[in-house]
Protein backbone atom coordinates (compact mmCIF):
# COMPACT_ATOMS: atom_id res chain seq x y z
CA UNK A 1 72.74 8.39 -25.45
CA UNK A 2 70.52 6.47 -23.10
CA UNK A 3 68.27 9.28 -22.16
CA UNK A 4 68.00 10.20 -25.63
CA UNK A 5 66.83 6.69 -26.44
CA UNK A 6 64.04 6.80 -23.76
CA UNK A 7 62.70 9.93 -24.91
CA UNK A 8 62.36 8.75 -28.54
CA UNK A 9 60.45 5.35 -26.90
CA UNK A 10 58.23 7.69 -25.16
CA UNK A 11 57.81 9.81 -28.36
CA UNK A 12 56.99 6.81 -30.42
CA UNK A 13 54.69 5.50 -27.66
CA UNK A 14 53.06 8.85 -27.70
CA UNK A 15 52.82 8.64 -31.44
CA UNK A 16 51.71 5.03 -31.72
CA UNK A 17 48.88 6.01 -28.71
CA UNK A 18 47.85 8.81 -30.85
CA UNK A 19 47.68 6.82 -33.80
CA UNK A 20 45.37 4.08 -32.20
CA UNK A 21 43.16 6.62 -30.55
CA UNK A 22 42.43 8.00 -33.84
CA UNK A 23 41.51 4.75 -35.41
CA UNK A 24 39.14 3.73 -32.18
CA UNK A 25 37.71 6.79 -32.91
CA UNK A 26 36.85 6.44 -36.53
CA UNK A 27 35.43 2.84 -35.49
CA UNK A 28 33.35 4.48 -32.72
CA UNK A 29 31.99 6.86 -35.39
CA UNK A 30 31.12 4.13 -37.61
CA UNK A 31 29.37 1.57 -35.05
CA UNK A 32 27.57 4.89 -33.54
CA UNK A 33 25.91 5.37 -37.44
CA UNK A 34 25.12 2.10 -37.54
CA UNK A 35 23.50 2.15 -34.21
CA UNK A 36 21.55 5.27 -35.49
CA UNK A 37 20.56 3.50 -38.72
CA UNK A 38 19.27 0.30 -36.69
CA UNK A 39 17.25 2.66 -34.21
CA UNK A 40 15.53 4.49 -37.29
CA UNK A 41 14.21 0.75 -38.58
CA UNK A 42 13.11 0.50 -35.08
CA UNK A 43 15.46 -2.42 -34.70
CA UNK A 44 16.13 -1.52 -30.81
CA UNK A 45 18.29 -4.52 -29.83
CA UNK A 46 20.60 -3.97 -32.85
CA UNK A 47 20.82 -0.53 -32.19
CA UNK A 48 21.91 -1.42 -28.38
CA UNK A 49 24.32 -3.67 -29.38
CA UNK A 50 25.99 -1.22 -31.90
CA UNK A 51 26.22 1.51 -29.37
CA UNK A 52 28.03 -0.77 -27.02
CA UNK A 53 30.67 -1.59 -29.73
CA UNK A 54 30.67 2.14 -30.60
CA UNK A 55 31.51 2.79 -26.48
CA UNK A 56 33.90 -0.36 -26.40
CA UNK A 57 36.25 1.91 -28.79
CA UNK A 58 35.50 5.30 -26.71
CA UNK A 59 33.79 5.01 -23.24
CA UNK A 60 33.32 8.66 -23.25
CA UNK A 61 31.49 9.32 -26.52
CA UNK A 62 28.97 11.28 -25.25
CA UNK A 63 26.19 10.93 -28.40
CA UNK A 64 26.94 6.91 -27.61
CA UNK A 65 26.28 6.98 -24.24
CA UNK A 66 22.74 9.38 -24.70
CA UNK A 67 21.82 7.10 -27.89
CA UNK A 68 22.20 3.69 -25.94
CA UNK A 69 20.03 5.24 -23.30
CA UNK A 70 17.46 5.71 -25.76
CA UNK A 71 17.57 1.95 -27.17
CA UNK A 72 17.72 0.81 -23.57
CA UNK A 73 14.40 3.07 -23.17
CA UNK A 74 12.61 1.71 -25.92
CA UNK A 75 13.10 -1.70 -24.73
CA UNK A 76 11.33 -0.78 -21.37
CA UNK A 77 14.64 -1.08 -19.62
CA UNK A 78 14.65 1.82 -17.67
CA UNK A 79 16.66 1.50 -14.82
CA UNK A 80 19.56 0.78 -17.58
CA UNK A 81 18.32 3.83 -19.42
CA UNK A 82 18.56 6.07 -16.46
CA UNK A 83 22.26 5.09 -15.65
CA UNK A 84 23.16 6.36 -19.50
CA UNK A 85 21.30 9.33 -19.36
CA UNK A 86 22.79 10.26 -15.67
CA UNK A 87 26.17 9.51 -17.65
CA UNK A 88 25.18 11.58 -20.75
CA UNK A 89 24.01 14.56 -18.54
CA UNK A 90 27.36 14.76 -17.07
CA UNK A 91 29.39 14.57 -20.32
CA UNK A 92 27.38 16.80 -22.27
CA UNK A 93 28.08 20.83 -22.45
CA UNK A 94 25.49 21.68 -24.84
CA UNK A 95 22.68 23.16 -23.04
CA UNK A 96 20.06 21.71 -25.65
CA UNK A 97 21.76 18.16 -25.82
CA UNK A 98 21.78 18.41 -21.70
CA UNK A 99 18.18 19.39 -21.23
CA UNK A 100 17.41 16.33 -23.73
CA UNK A 101 19.02 13.89 -21.43
CA UNK A 102 17.14 15.58 -18.39
CA UNK A 103 13.84 15.31 -20.23
CA UNK A 104 14.65 11.57 -20.99
CA UNK A 105 15.57 10.70 -17.34
CA UNK A 106 12.12 12.57 -16.57
CA UNK A 107 10.30 10.22 -18.83
CA UNK A 108 12.23 6.88 -17.43
CA UNK A 109 11.14 8.24 -13.85
CA UNK A 110 7.48 8.87 -15.11
CA UNK A 111 7.11 5.14 -16.39
CA UNK A 112 8.30 3.86 -13.33
CA UNK A 113 5.28 6.30 -11.62
CA UNK A 114 8.20 8.09 -9.55
CA UNK A 115 6.56 11.55 -9.90
CA UNK A 116 8.86 13.61 -7.50
CA UNK A 117 11.93 12.30 -9.28
CA UNK A 118 10.60 12.92 -12.63
CA UNK A 119 9.21 16.55 -11.85
CA UNK A 120 12.67 17.21 -10.64
CA UNK A 121 14.36 16.35 -13.94
CA UNK A 122 11.63 17.99 -16.07
CA UNK A 123 12.73 21.14 -13.98
CA UNK A 124 16.41 20.68 -14.72
CA UNK A 125 15.49 20.37 -18.56
CA UNK A 126 13.51 23.29 -18.75
CA UNK A 127 16.33 25.72 -16.81
CA UNK A 128 18.82 24.32 -20.00
CA UNK A 129 15.74 24.86 -22.94
CA UNK A 130 12.99 27.08 -21.05
CA UNK A 131 10.73 27.34 -24.12
CA UNK A 132 10.65 23.08 -24.63
CA UNK A 133 6.67 22.59 -24.78
CA UNK A 134 7.00 18.84 -24.58
CA UNK A 135 8.93 19.15 -21.45
CA UNK A 136 6.49 21.59 -20.20
CA UNK A 137 3.31 19.29 -20.91
CA UNK A 138 5.42 16.30 -19.15
CA UNK A 139 6.11 18.38 -16.23
CA UNK A 140 2.33 19.27 -15.86
CA UNK A 141 1.23 15.91 -16.14
CA UNK A 142 3.43 14.69 -13.50
CA UNK A 143 2.49 17.14 -11.33
CA UNK A 144 -0.97 16.21 -11.95
CA UNK A 145 -0.35 12.50 -11.02
CA UNK A 146 1.72 13.48 -8.19
CA UNK A 147 -1.15 15.81 -6.69
CA UNK A 148 -3.68 12.58 -7.52
CA UNK A 149 -1.41 10.17 -5.51
CA UNK A 150 -1.25 12.45 -2.70
CA UNK A 151 -4.50 12.92 -2.37
CA UNK A 152 -5.34 9.33 -2.66
CA UNK A 153 -2.91 8.61 0.27
CA UNK A 154 -4.46 11.06 2.48
CA UNK A 155 -7.93 9.34 1.56
CA UNK A 156 -6.22 6.21 2.68
CA UNK A 157 -4.99 7.62 5.68
CA UNK A 158 -8.29 9.04 6.69
CA UNK A 159 -10.24 5.70 5.99
CA UNK A 160 -7.64 3.52 7.96
CA UNK A 161 -8.04 5.99 10.67
CA UNK A 162 -11.70 5.49 10.67
CA UNK A 163 -11.33 1.88 10.54
CA UNK A 164 -9.09 1.91 13.33
CA UNK A 165 -11.68 4.09 15.07
CA UNK A 166 -14.75 1.72 14.37
CA UNK A 167 -13.06 -1.41 15.48
CA UNK A 168 -12.20 0.20 19.20
CA UNK A 169 -15.82 1.35 19.11
CA UNK A 170 -17.14 -2.12 18.59
CA UNK A 171 -14.10 -3.36 21.01
CA UNK A 172 -15.58 -1.28 23.95
CA UNK A 173 -19.07 -2.15 23.29
CA UNK A 174 -17.84 -5.80 23.59
CA UNK A 175 -16.53 -5.28 26.80
CA UNK A 176 -18.33 -6.73 29.67
CA UNK A 177 -19.62 -4.18 32.09
CA UNK A 178 -18.71 -3.29 35.70
CA UNK A 179 -20.22 -6.15 37.87
CA UNK A 180 -21.57 -3.32 40.38
CA UNK A 181 -23.30 -1.65 37.41
CA UNK A 182 -24.30 -5.03 36.24
CA UNK A 183 -25.93 -5.81 39.53
CA UNK A 184 -27.60 -2.15 39.87
CA UNK A 185 -29.22 -2.73 36.47
CA UNK A 186 -30.44 -6.31 37.27
CA UNK A 187 -31.91 -4.94 40.43
CA UNK A 188 -33.37 -1.77 38.69
CA UNK A 189 -34.72 -4.25 36.01
CA UNK A 190 -36.44 -6.57 38.68
CA UNK A 191 -37.83 -4.29 40.67
CA UNK A 192 -39.37 -2.52 37.81
CA UNK A 193 -40.69 -5.63 36.47
CA UNK A 194 -42.21 -6.43 39.88
CA UNK A 195 -43.71 -3.41 39.89
CA UNK A 196 -45.33 -3.80 36.07
CA UNK A 197 -46.89 -7.25 37.35
CA UNK A 198 -48.59 -5.90 40.37
CA UNK A 199 -49.74 -2.89 38.60
CA UNK A 200 -51.47 -5.59 35.98
CA UNK A 201 -52.72 -7.54 38.73
CA UNK A 202 -53.80 -4.39 40.66
CA UNK A 203 -51.91 -5.64 43.66
CA UNK A 204 -50.05 -3.73 46.04
CA UNK A 205 -47.15 -5.02 48.22
CA UNK A 206 -48.32 -7.35 51.32
CA UNK A 207 -47.32 -6.45 54.78
CA UNK A 208 -47.83 -8.86 57.24
CA UNK A 209 -46.32 -9.61 61.06
CA UNK A 210 -44.70 -12.86 61.84
CA UNK A 211 -47.57 -14.31 63.38
CA UNK A 212 -49.97 -13.91 60.18
CA UNK A 213 -47.29 -15.34 58.12
CA UNK A 214 -46.54 -18.37 60.30
CA UNK A 215 -50.28 -18.93 60.46
CA UNK A 216 -50.43 -18.39 56.61
CA UNK A 217 -47.71 -21.31 56.07
CA UNK A 218 -49.57 -23.70 58.57
CA UNK A 219 -52.86 -22.84 56.33
CA UNK A 220 -51.04 -23.96 53.35
CA UNK A 221 -49.20 -27.26 54.88
CA UNK A 222 -52.54 -28.40 56.20
CA UNK A 223 -54.07 -27.74 52.28
CA UNK A 224 -51.23 -29.79 50.96
CA UNK A 225 -51.77 -32.91 53.22
CA UNK A 226 -55.50 -33.09 52.37
CA UNK A 227 -54.84 -32.68 48.56
CA UNK A 228 -52.23 -35.47 49.18
CA UNK A 229 -54.51 -37.77 50.84
CA UNK A 230 -57.11 -37.26 47.92
CA UNK A 231 -54.50 -38.07 45.13
CA UNK A 232 -53.45 -41.28 47.24
CA UNK A 233 -57.06 -42.59 47.37
CA UNK A 234 -57.72 -41.56 43.49
CA UNK A 235 -54.61 -43.20 42.41
CA UNK A 236 -55.34 -46.50 44.06
CA UNK A 237 -58.60 -46.70 42.60
CA UNK A 238 -57.49 -45.86 39.23
CA UNK A 239 -55.33 -49.08 39.64
CA UNK A 240 -58.13 -51.15 40.14
CA UNK A 241 -60.23 -49.61 37.37
CA UNK A 242 -57.53 -49.09 34.80
CA UNK A 243 -56.66 -52.84 34.62
CA UNK A 244 -52.99 -51.95 35.00
CA UNK A 245 -53.18 -48.69 33.57
CA UNK A 246 -51.20 -46.11 35.62
CA UNK A 247 -53.21 -43.17 36.48
């Protein structure tokens, strides 16, 4: 008797669960249809709310999952929309619907300018629906954007390398020369300058003995003494004549 009672209880519980699931399924469809109506009148926030109510009744309702993604994307909630589309792509079995999910995933990535991910999902969509012209167009657009972005990145890298090379060249120019080289350059410059001065004056380098050099120095010294004597006399005279004015 106990076993029979448990069997009945189990059966009753099963029937009750089936009845509850059927009722929830009806409510899910009601919310789904109301959500579609709100979406058509472009009230995307209301549509989102209604689709969420539908999923509260049946979390695996693939149409509600997919449509919630669409409503979120219309509100520019790309990351949330992506999660719904990816979930829908796993739930959907119909190829056309599955292609639509991948198409929309590609669109969400395109809005985020993540071109590689967009291209990957457009290709998945085309494997499900190879004649879909909208997906083909979007794929071509994403590919052109990716190519342009890659070319810009290459150009920027090239410019950065050139800038680094220019900075290094400037740094090398600003570094001081080797002291030996600098001394040699100065000596060369000095010798060259002396040669030019001598050429301008028409002079040649003077060569003299030690005795001749000493006589020349003595003569210069004697001449300087005479000049000093004359200057001293002139100064004294100037003081007398000048009435106190210094010479």
